[in-house]
Amino acid sequence: MGLLAGILIILFCCIVIWRASDGFEVASEYLGRNLSDGVRGATINAIGSSMPELFTTLFFFIYYAYFIHDPELANDGFAGGVGTTAGSAVFNGMIIPAVVILAVIGMGMVNKVEVSRKVILRDGLSLIAVEICLILLISGTTLYWWHGLMLMFLYSIYVIIMFSTMSEKTQSEEEDDFYENDSEKSVGYNLLSLNLAPVFIKKEINTQNAWTLLLMAMLIIGVACFFLVFACELTAQGLGINTYFVAVILAAAATSVPDTILSYRDAMDGEYDDAVANALGSNIFDVCFALGFPLFLFTLLQGPITMSAGVVADITELWTLLFLLTVLAFLIYYIGKGMGRIKAYLLLSIYLLFAFYIFSKAYEQEWAVWLGGWLQGLF
């Protein structure tokens, strides 16, 4: 019964996150209308669509600190947060580009998706760099507030680089007309449907109501993430495995819904740089801020986190695997001219193997345990 309830709640949270992300998309498109070179996808879109990872990680810390009073489970909050951010990063790097490629090719828009080499090099190499920093930074058994601060500092450097290298873009639409073309799509929607755009934008969009819409969408997504954490605990109990493993796959996939939707819609508009930059930029935000901010806040208020040997082994293994998969994905993006069906199916296959490995490790399959030990020994 707990397993069924957990899965149903996870599905419900996915729907809420999905519907609330529509309003976020309208606001982010307006606020980032003058950004070019995939900067909107890698910053505004990536930050907003990664709010589920940030909220879920934060609620994992809170849930195990204040609602679960078993000392043996004290590390599970941090492990669940790491599992969500790392699992989401793998999902974003593999599933989202594959969905984008197959969608636009399937609709006959293009034969191959062409993404700027500048975007791939800038965001891909930045992601690899921050993952190396993370592995080196979180290598001991005790975590302090300055660990989280350092991760957030890395993200600030990335944002500065993004805007300093962005080329100018001419605004092609006036503020008064920006929302007009989408107004017909919103007819019949209201607050109950969670399509928030027509609720906050009555006639025309402007900076004030765009930010209001963005923040309200993020708030609703945050509430859904609170229940997502609880659902992961129920699902883990029903499956008889640690919550960490459920977070890596199910919570990560659920929190990646906005990223997937935004990248898909960018691709439908022919904005392939933004579609891919959103996925890569979201990963950088997940690694640096969605993990760094909860870690900073929690350790600042509650003191250092002392991790058990098992948690240290699990997160070291996961981050090492994420690093290797990121390098592999980067090579798939970069090598060759454009990305077609073969690359999309390759990315999907890699993610399925990743999910199979995670659940095999959860049930302590011999081959998975051996591979985990090998990964832990790499760094």
Protein backbone atom coordinates (compact mmCIF):
# COMPACT_ATOMS: atom_id res chain seq x y z
CA MET A 1 0.00 0.00 0.00
CA GLY A 2 2.86 2.37 0.83
CA LEU A 3 4.51 1.65 -2.53
CA LEU A 4 1.34 2.41 -4.49
CA ALA A 5 0.70 5.59 -2.50
CA GLY A 6 4.29 6.74 -3.01
CA ILE A 7 4.17 6.19 -6.77
CA LEU A 8 0.79 7.93 -7.09
CA ILE A 9 2.05 10.95 -5.14
CA ILE A 10 5.18 11.10 -7.32
CA LEU A 11 3.02 11.06 -10.46
CA PHE A 12 0.77 13.77 -9.01
CA CYS A 13 3.81 15.90 -8.18
CA CYS A 14 5.04 15.44 -11.76
CA ILE A 15 1.72 16.76 -13.09
CA VAL A 16 1.74 19.76 -10.75
CA ILE A 17 5.34 20.61 -11.65
CA TRP A 18 4.54 20.19 -15.34
CA ARG A 19 1.47 22.42 -15.29
CA ALA A 20 3.06 25.11 -13.12
CA SER A 21 6.06 25.23 -15.46
CA ASP A 22 3.83 26.62 -18.24
CA GLY A 23 3.49 29.93 -16.45
CA PHE A 24 7.18 29.93 -15.72
CA GLU A 25 7.93 29.48 -19.41
CA VAL A 26 5.89 32.54 -20.41
CA ALA A 27 7.66 34.69 -17.80
CA SER A 28 11.15 33.40 -18.58
CA GLU A 29 10.72 33.94 -22.33
CA TYR A 30 9.78 37.56 -21.71
CA LEU A 31 12.48 38.28 -19.12
CA GLY A 32 15.16 36.69 -21.29
CA ARG A 33 13.93 38.02 -24.63
CA ASN A 34 17.13 39.99 -25.30
CA LEU A 35 19.57 37.24 -24.34
CA SER A 36 21.44 35.43 -27.09
CA ASP A 37 23.91 32.57 -27.68
CA GLY A 38 21.89 30.20 -25.53
CA VAL A 39 22.37 32.48 -22.50
CA ARG A 40 18.63 32.55 -21.75
CA GLY A 41 18.51 28.76 -21.78
CA ALA A 42 21.59 28.44 -19.59
CA THR A 43 20.65 31.10 -17.04
CA ILE A 44 17.00 32.19 -16.63
CA ASN A 45 15.49 28.97 -18.02
CA ALA A 46 18.03 26.75 -16.28
CA ILE A 47 17.67 28.46 -12.88
CA GLY A 48 13.90 28.56 -12.90
CA SER A 49 13.40 25.07 -14.27
CA SER A 50 15.89 23.75 -11.70
CA MET A 51 13.92 25.13 -8.77
CA PRO A 52 12.42 21.63 -8.22
CA GLU A 53 15.92 20.24 -7.61
CA LEU A 54 16.71 23.08 -5.22
CA PHE A 55 13.46 22.72 -3.28
CA THR A 56 13.65 18.92 -3.21
CA THR A 57 17.23 18.95 -1.91
CA LEU A 58 16.31 21.54 0.72
CA PHE A 59 13.26 19.54 1.82
CA PHE A 60 15.33 16.35 2.05
CA PHE A 61 17.56 18.15 4.57
CA ILE A 62 14.56 19.50 6.49
CA TYR A 63 12.56 16.25 6.40
CA TYR A 64 15.29 14.08 7.89
CA ALA A 65 16.44 16.75 10.34
CA TYR A 66 13.05 17.67 11.82
CA PHE A 67 10.61 14.86 10.97
CA ILE A 68 12.78 11.74 11.15
CA HIS A 69 14.42 11.39 14.55
CA ASP A 70 16.35 8.17 14.00
CA PRO A 71 20.10 8.91 14.42
CA GLU A 72 20.95 6.09 12.02
CA LEU A 73 19.09 7.95 9.27
CA ALA A 74 20.66 11.34 9.97
CA ASN A 75 22.73 11.21 6.77
CA ASP A 76 19.83 10.23 4.54
CA GLY A 77 18.73 13.83 4.05
CA PHE A 78 22.06 14.80 2.53
CA ALA A 79 22.24 11.56 0.53
CA GLY A 80 18.72 12.12 -0.81
CA GLY A 81 19.62 15.66 -1.86
CA VAL A 82 22.79 14.50 -3.59
CA GLY A 83 20.85 11.70 -5.26
CA THR A 84 18.26 14.15 -6.61
CA THR A 85 20.76 16.67 -7.99
CA ALA A 86 23.12 14.08 -9.48
CA GLY A 87 20.31 11.94 -10.89
CA SER A 88 18.68 15.02 -12.40
CA ALA A 89 22.00 15.99 -13.97
CA VAL A 90 22.24 12.59 -15.68
CA PHE A 91 18.60 12.87 -16.81
CA ASN A 92 19.16 16.37 -18.20
CA GLY A 93 22.33 15.41 -20.00
CA MET A 94 20.91 12.28 -21.63
CA ILE A 95 17.12 12.34 -21.84
CA ILE A 96 16.48 16.01 -22.67
CA PRO A 97 18.80 16.24 -25.71
CA ALA A 98 17.47 12.88 -26.94
CA VAL A 99 13.86 14.10 -26.62
CA VAL A 100 14.72 17.33 -28.44
CA ILE A 101 16.47 15.50 -31.28
CA LEU A 102 13.75 12.88 -31.80
CA ALA A 103 10.95 15.46 -31.53
CA VAL A 104 12.22 17.88 -34.18
CA ILE A 105 13.34 15.11 -36.54
CA GLY A 106 10.08 13.21 -36.05
CA MET A 107 8.08 16.30 -36.99
CA GLY A 108 10.15 16.75 -40.12
CA MET A 109 11.58 20.11 -39.04
CA VAL A 110 15.23 19.11 -39.63
CA ASN A 111 17.29 16.02 -40.38
CA LYS A 112 19.84 16.84 -37.68
CA VAL A 113 19.88 19.26 -34.77
CA GLU A 114 22.65 21.80 -35.19
CA VAL A 115 23.92 23.34 -31.95
CA SER A 116 26.55 26.06 -31.80
CA ARG A 117 30.00 24.70 -31.01
CA LYS A 118 30.45 27.75 -28.80
CA VAL A 119 27.49 26.70 -26.65
CA ILE A 120 28.66 23.08 -26.38
CA LEU A 121 32.22 24.05 -25.48
CA ARG A 122 31.20 26.82 -23.07
CA ASP A 123 28.56 24.91 -21.13
CA GLY A 124 29.97 21.40 -21.54
CA LEU A 125 33.46 22.29 -20.34
CA SER A 126 32.03 24.46 -17.54
CA LEU A 127 29.95 21.51 -16.33
CA ILE A 128 32.94 19.16 -16.39
CA ALA A 129 35.01 21.73 -14.48
CA VAL A 130 32.44 22.25 -11.70
CA GLU A 131 31.97 18.48 -11.31
CA ILE A 132 35.73 18.05 -10.81
CA CYS A 133 35.66 20.85 -8.23
CA LEU A 134 32.72 19.20 -6.47
CA ILE A 135 34.44 15.81 -6.27
CA LEU A 136 37.58 17.43 -4.85
CA LEU A 137 35.65 19.71 -2.50
CA ILE A 138 33.33 17.09 -0.99
CA SER A 139 35.94 14.41 -0.46
CA GLY A 140 36.04 14.13 3.32
CA THR A 141 33.60 12.83 5.91
CA THR A 142 32.56 16.22 7.34
CA LEU A 143 30.84 19.05 5.47
CA TYR A 144 30.86 22.69 6.62
CA TRP A 145 29.02 25.85 5.61
CA TRP A 146 31.94 27.01 3.50
CA HIS A 147 31.61 23.94 1.28
CA GLY A 148 28.17 25.16 0.22
CA LEU A 149 29.45 28.72 -0.13
CA MET A 150 32.24 27.58 -2.44
CA LEU A 151 29.77 25.72 -4.66
CA MET A 152 27.59 28.83 -4.97
CA PHE A 153 30.69 30.90 -5.74
CA LEU A 154 31.47 28.56 -8.65
CA TYR A 155 28.04 29.21 -10.08
CA SER A 156 28.47 32.98 -9.80
CA ILE A 157 31.67 32.68 -11.85
CA TYR A 158 29.81 30.71 -14.51
CA VAL A 159 27.04 33.35 -14.74
CA ILE A 160 29.62 36.14 -15.07
CA ILE A 161 31.33 34.26 -17.90
CA MET A 162 27.97 33.70 -19.61
CA PHE A 163 27.00 37.37 -19.70
CA SER A 164 30.50 38.66 -20.47
CA THR A 165 30.75 36.45 -23.58
CA MET A 166 27.18 37.02 -24.81
CA SER A 167 26.80 38.83 -28.12
CA GLU A 168 24.19 41.52 -28.57
CA LYS A 169 20.69 40.62 -29.74
CA THR A 170 18.12 42.99 -31.14
CA GLN A 171 14.71 42.89 -29.51
CA SER A 172 12.33 41.76 -32.25
CA GLU A 173 9.05 42.29 -30.44
CA GLU A 174 7.58 45.10 -28.38
CA GLU A 175 6.52 44.43 -24.79
CA ASP A 176 2.87 45.11 -25.59
CA ASP A 177 2.72 42.44 -28.28
CA PHE A 178 4.87 39.77 -26.61
CA TYR A 179 2.05 37.96 -24.84
CA GLU A 180 -0.63 38.68 -27.42
CA ASN A 181 0.29 35.75 -29.65
CA ASP A 182 -0.06 33.31 -26.76
CA SER A 183 -3.32 34.65 -25.39
CA GLU A 184 -5.52 32.25 -27.34
CA LYS A 185 -3.63 29.29 -25.91
CA SER A 186 -4.61 30.38 -22.41
CA VAL A 187 -8.36 30.67 -22.91
CA GLY A 188 -10.23 28.54 -20.36
CA TYR A 189 -7.27 28.17 -18.03
CA ASN A 190 -7.28 29.46 -14.48
CA LEU A 191 -5.54 29.10 -11.14
CA LEU A 192 -7.10 25.67 -10.55
CA SER A 193 -5.61 24.32 -13.79
CA LEU A 194 -2.19 25.62 -12.63
CA ASN A 195 -1.68 27.47 -15.89
CA LEU A 196 -0.89 30.73 -14.16
CA ALA A 197 -0.19 33.01 -17.12
CA PRO A 198 -3.77 34.26 -17.68
CA VAL A 199 -4.21 34.74 -13.93
CA PHE A 200 -1.36 37.22 -13.56
CA ILE A 201 -1.19 38.63 -17.10
CA LYS A 202 -4.57 40.13 -17.96
CA LYS A 203 -3.81 42.33 -20.97
CA GLU A 204 -0.11 42.65 -21.61
CA ILE A 205 3.07 41.33 -20.09
CA ASN A 206 5.59 43.59 -18.40
CA THR A 207 8.54 43.17 -16.08
CA GLN A 208 6.46 43.39 -12.90
CA ASN A 209 3.81 40.79 -13.74
CA ALA A 210 6.42 38.57 -15.39
CA TRP A 211 8.38 38.35 -12.15
CA THR A 212 5.16 37.82 -10.17
CA LEU A 213 4.21 34.97 -12.49
CA LEU A 214 7.70 33.49 -12.27
CA LEU A 215 7.75 33.54 -8.47
CA MET A 216 4.23 32.11 -8.12
CA ALA A 217 5.06 29.26 -10.48
CA MET A 218 8.19 28.53 -8.45
CA LEU A 219 6.16 28.57 -5.21
CA ILE A 220 3.69 25.98 -6.50
CA ILE A 221 6.55 23.83 -7.77
CA GLY A 222 8.16 24.10 -4.33
CA VAL A 223 5.03 22.83 -2.57
CA ALA A 224 4.93 19.87 -4.98
CA CYS A 225 8.57 19.12 -4.15
CA PHE A 226 7.79 18.93 -0.43
CA PHE A 227 5.31 16.13 -1.10
CA LEU A 228 7.77 14.56 -3.55
CA VAL A 229 10.26 14.01 -0.72
CA PHE A 230 7.59 12.32 1.39
CA ALA A 231 6.57 10.18 -1.61
CA CYS A 232 10.17 9.04 -2.13
CA GLU A 233 10.28 7.84 1.47
CA LEU A 234 7.05 5.85 1.00
CA THR A 235 8.26 4.37 -2.27
CA ALA A 236 11.59 3.37 -0.79
CA GLN A 237 9.89 1.63 2.11
CA GLY A 238 7.60 -0.22 -0.30
CA LEU A 239 10.54 -1.34 -2.45
CA GLY A 240 12.66 -2.23 0.56
CA ILE A 241 15.58 -0.03 -0.50
CA ASN A 242 17.27 3.15 0.73
CA THR A 243 15.53 6.43 -0.14
CA TYR A 244 18.76 7.57 -1.78
CA PHE A 245 18.27 5.17 -4.70
CA VAL A 246 14.67 6.29 -5.26
CA ALA A 247 15.83 9.92 -5.27
CA VAL A 248 18.49 9.23 -7.92
CA ILE A 249 15.93 7.95 -10.44
CA LEU A 250 12.34 8.89 -9.55
CA ALA A 251 12.79 12.20 -7.72
CA ALA A 252 15.41 13.27 -10.26
CA ALA A 253 13.09 12.52 -13.18
CA ALA A 254 10.16 14.30 -11.53
CA THR A 255 12.19 17.44 -10.83
CA SER A 256 13.49 17.49 -14.41
CA VAL A 257 10.00 17.92 -15.90
CA PRO A 258 10.33 21.74 -16.33
CA ASP A 259 13.76 21.36 -17.96
CA THR A 260 12.36 18.86 -20.42
CA ILE A 261 9.33 21.00 -21.30
CA LEU A 262 11.35 24.19 -21.76
CA SER A 263 13.98 22.48 -23.93
CA TYR A 264 11.27 20.81 -26.01
CA ARG A 265 9.46 24.08 -26.64
CA ASP A 266 12.68 25.92 -27.42
CA ALA A 267 13.44 23.20 -29.96
CA MET A 268 9.95 23.53 -31.48
CA ASP A 269 10.71 27.23 -31.99
CA GLY A 270 13.99 26.35 -33.70
CA GLU A 271 16.07 27.64 -30.76
CA TYR A 272 18.36 24.63 -30.51
CA ASP A 273 21.13 26.48 -28.69
CA ASP A 274 18.72 27.40 -25.89
CA ALA A 275 17.28 23.87 -25.81
CA VAL A 276 20.67 22.24 -25.20
CA ALA A 277 22.05 25.11 -23.10
CA ASN A 278 19.06 24.76 -20.77
CA ALA A 279 19.94 21.12 -20.10
CA LEU A 280 23.64 21.81 -19.54
CA GLY A 281 23.04 25.05 -17.62
CA SER A 282 20.52 23.28 -15.40
CA ASN A 283 23.15 20.72 -14.52
CA ILE A 284 25.62 23.43 -13.52
CA PHE A 285 22.93 25.06 -11.37
CA ASP A 286 22.06 21.68 -9.82
CA VAL A 287 25.66 20.86 -8.96
CA CYS A 288 26.60 24.30 -7.66
CA PHE A 289 23.48 25.96 -6.28
CA ALA A 290 20.72 23.36 -5.85
CA LEU A 291 23.15 21.40 -3.67
CA GLY A 292 25.33 24.28 -2.45
CA PHE A 293 22.60 26.53 -1.04
CA PRO A 294 20.80 23.85 1.08
CA LEU A 295 24.19 22.61 2.29
CA PHE A 296 25.27 26.15 3.20
CA LEU A 297 21.99 27.00 4.94
CA PHE A 298 21.66 23.71 6.82
CA THR A 299 25.25 23.59 8.14
CA LEU A 300 25.13 27.27 9.04
CA LEU A 301 22.06 26.67 11.23
CA GLN A 302 22.62 23.09 12.40
CA GLY A 303 26.39 22.71 12.37
CA PRO A 304 28.65 20.47 10.27
CA ILE A 305 27.34 17.28 8.66
CA THR A 306 29.33 14.18 9.57
CA MET A 307 28.70 11.51 6.95
CA SER A 308 28.80 7.80 7.62
CA ALA A 309 31.20 5.60 5.65
CA GLY A 310 28.30 4.21 3.62
CA VAL A 311 27.04 7.65 2.60
CA VAL A 312 30.57 8.79 1.68
CA ALA A 313 30.97 5.71 -0.52
CA ASP A 314 27.58 6.18 -2.20
CA ILE A 315 27.96 9.86 -3.05
CA THR A 316 31.60 9.44 -4.18
CA GLU A 317 30.49 6.66 -6.48
CA LEU A 318 27.56 8.69 -7.82
CA TRP A 319 29.52 11.86 -8.51
CA THR A 320 32.30 9.88 -10.17
CA LEU A 321 29.76 8.14 -12.39
CA LEU A 322 28.13 11.48 -13.19
CA PHE A 323 31.51 12.92 -14.19
CA LEU A 324 32.26 10.01 -16.52
CA LEU A 325 28.81 10.19 -18.10
CA THR A 326 29.13 13.97 -18.53
CA VAL A 327 32.41 13.55 -20.40
CA LEU A 328 30.83 10.84 -22.56
CA ALA A 329 27.79 13.02 -23.31
CA PHE A 330 30.04 15.97 -24.15
CA LEU A 331 31.91 13.86 -26.70
CA ILE A 332 28.61 12.70 -28.22
CA TYR A 333 27.45 16.32 -28.55
CA TYR A 334 30.73 17.61 -29.94
CA ILE A 335 32.00 14.90 -32.28
CA GLY A 336 30.50 14.95 -35.75
CA LYS A 337 28.33 17.51 -37.49
CA GLY A 338 24.97 17.87 -35.81
CA MET A 339 23.00 15.40 -33.71
CA GLY A 340 20.68 12.88 -35.34
CA ARG A 341 18.68 9.80 -34.40
CA ILE A 342 21.74 7.63 -33.74
CA LYS A 343 23.06 10.05 -31.11
CA ALA A 344 19.58 10.35 -29.57
CA TYR A 345 19.19 6.56 -29.23
CA LEU A 346 22.73 6.34 -27.85
CA LEU A 347 21.92 8.91 -25.15
CA LEU A 348 18.69 7.10 -24.25
CA SER A 349 20.52 3.77 -24.01
CA ILE A 350 23.14 5.25 -21.70
CA TYR A 351 20.46 6.57 -19.36
CA LEU A 352 18.63 3.23 -19.28
CA LEU A 353 21.89 1.50 -18.37
CA PHE A 354 22.45 4.09 -15.65
CA ALA A 355 18.97 3.46 -14.18
CA PHE A 356 19.49 -0.30 -14.36
CA TYR A 357 22.80 0.03 -12.52
CA ILE A 358 21.28 2.23 -9.76
CA PHE A 359 18.48 -0.24 -9.00
CA SER A 360 20.89 -3.19 -9.23
CA LYS A 361 23.10 -1.45 -6.68
CA ALA A 362 20.06 -0.81 -4.48
CA TYR A 363 19.41 -4.55 -4.32
CA GLU A 364 23.15 -5.27 -3.93
CA GLN A 365 23.63 -7.25 -7.12
CA GLU A 366 27.17 -8.60 -7.21
CA TRP A 367 28.22 -6.96 -10.49
CA ALA A 368 26.82 -3.58 -9.39
CA VAL A 369 28.60 -3.74 -6.04
CA TRP A 370 31.87 -4.52 -7.83
CA LEU A 371 31.41 -1.64 -10.28
CA GLY A 372 30.55 0.70 -7.40
CA GLY A 373 33.77 -0.21 -5.64
CA TRP A 374 35.73 0.45 -8.81
CA LEU A 375 34.11 3.88 -9.24
CA GLN A 376 34.86 4.79 -5.62
CA GLY A 377 38.52 4.04 -6.19
CA LEU A 378 38.91 6.40 -9.16
CA PHE A 379 39.08 9.56 -6.99
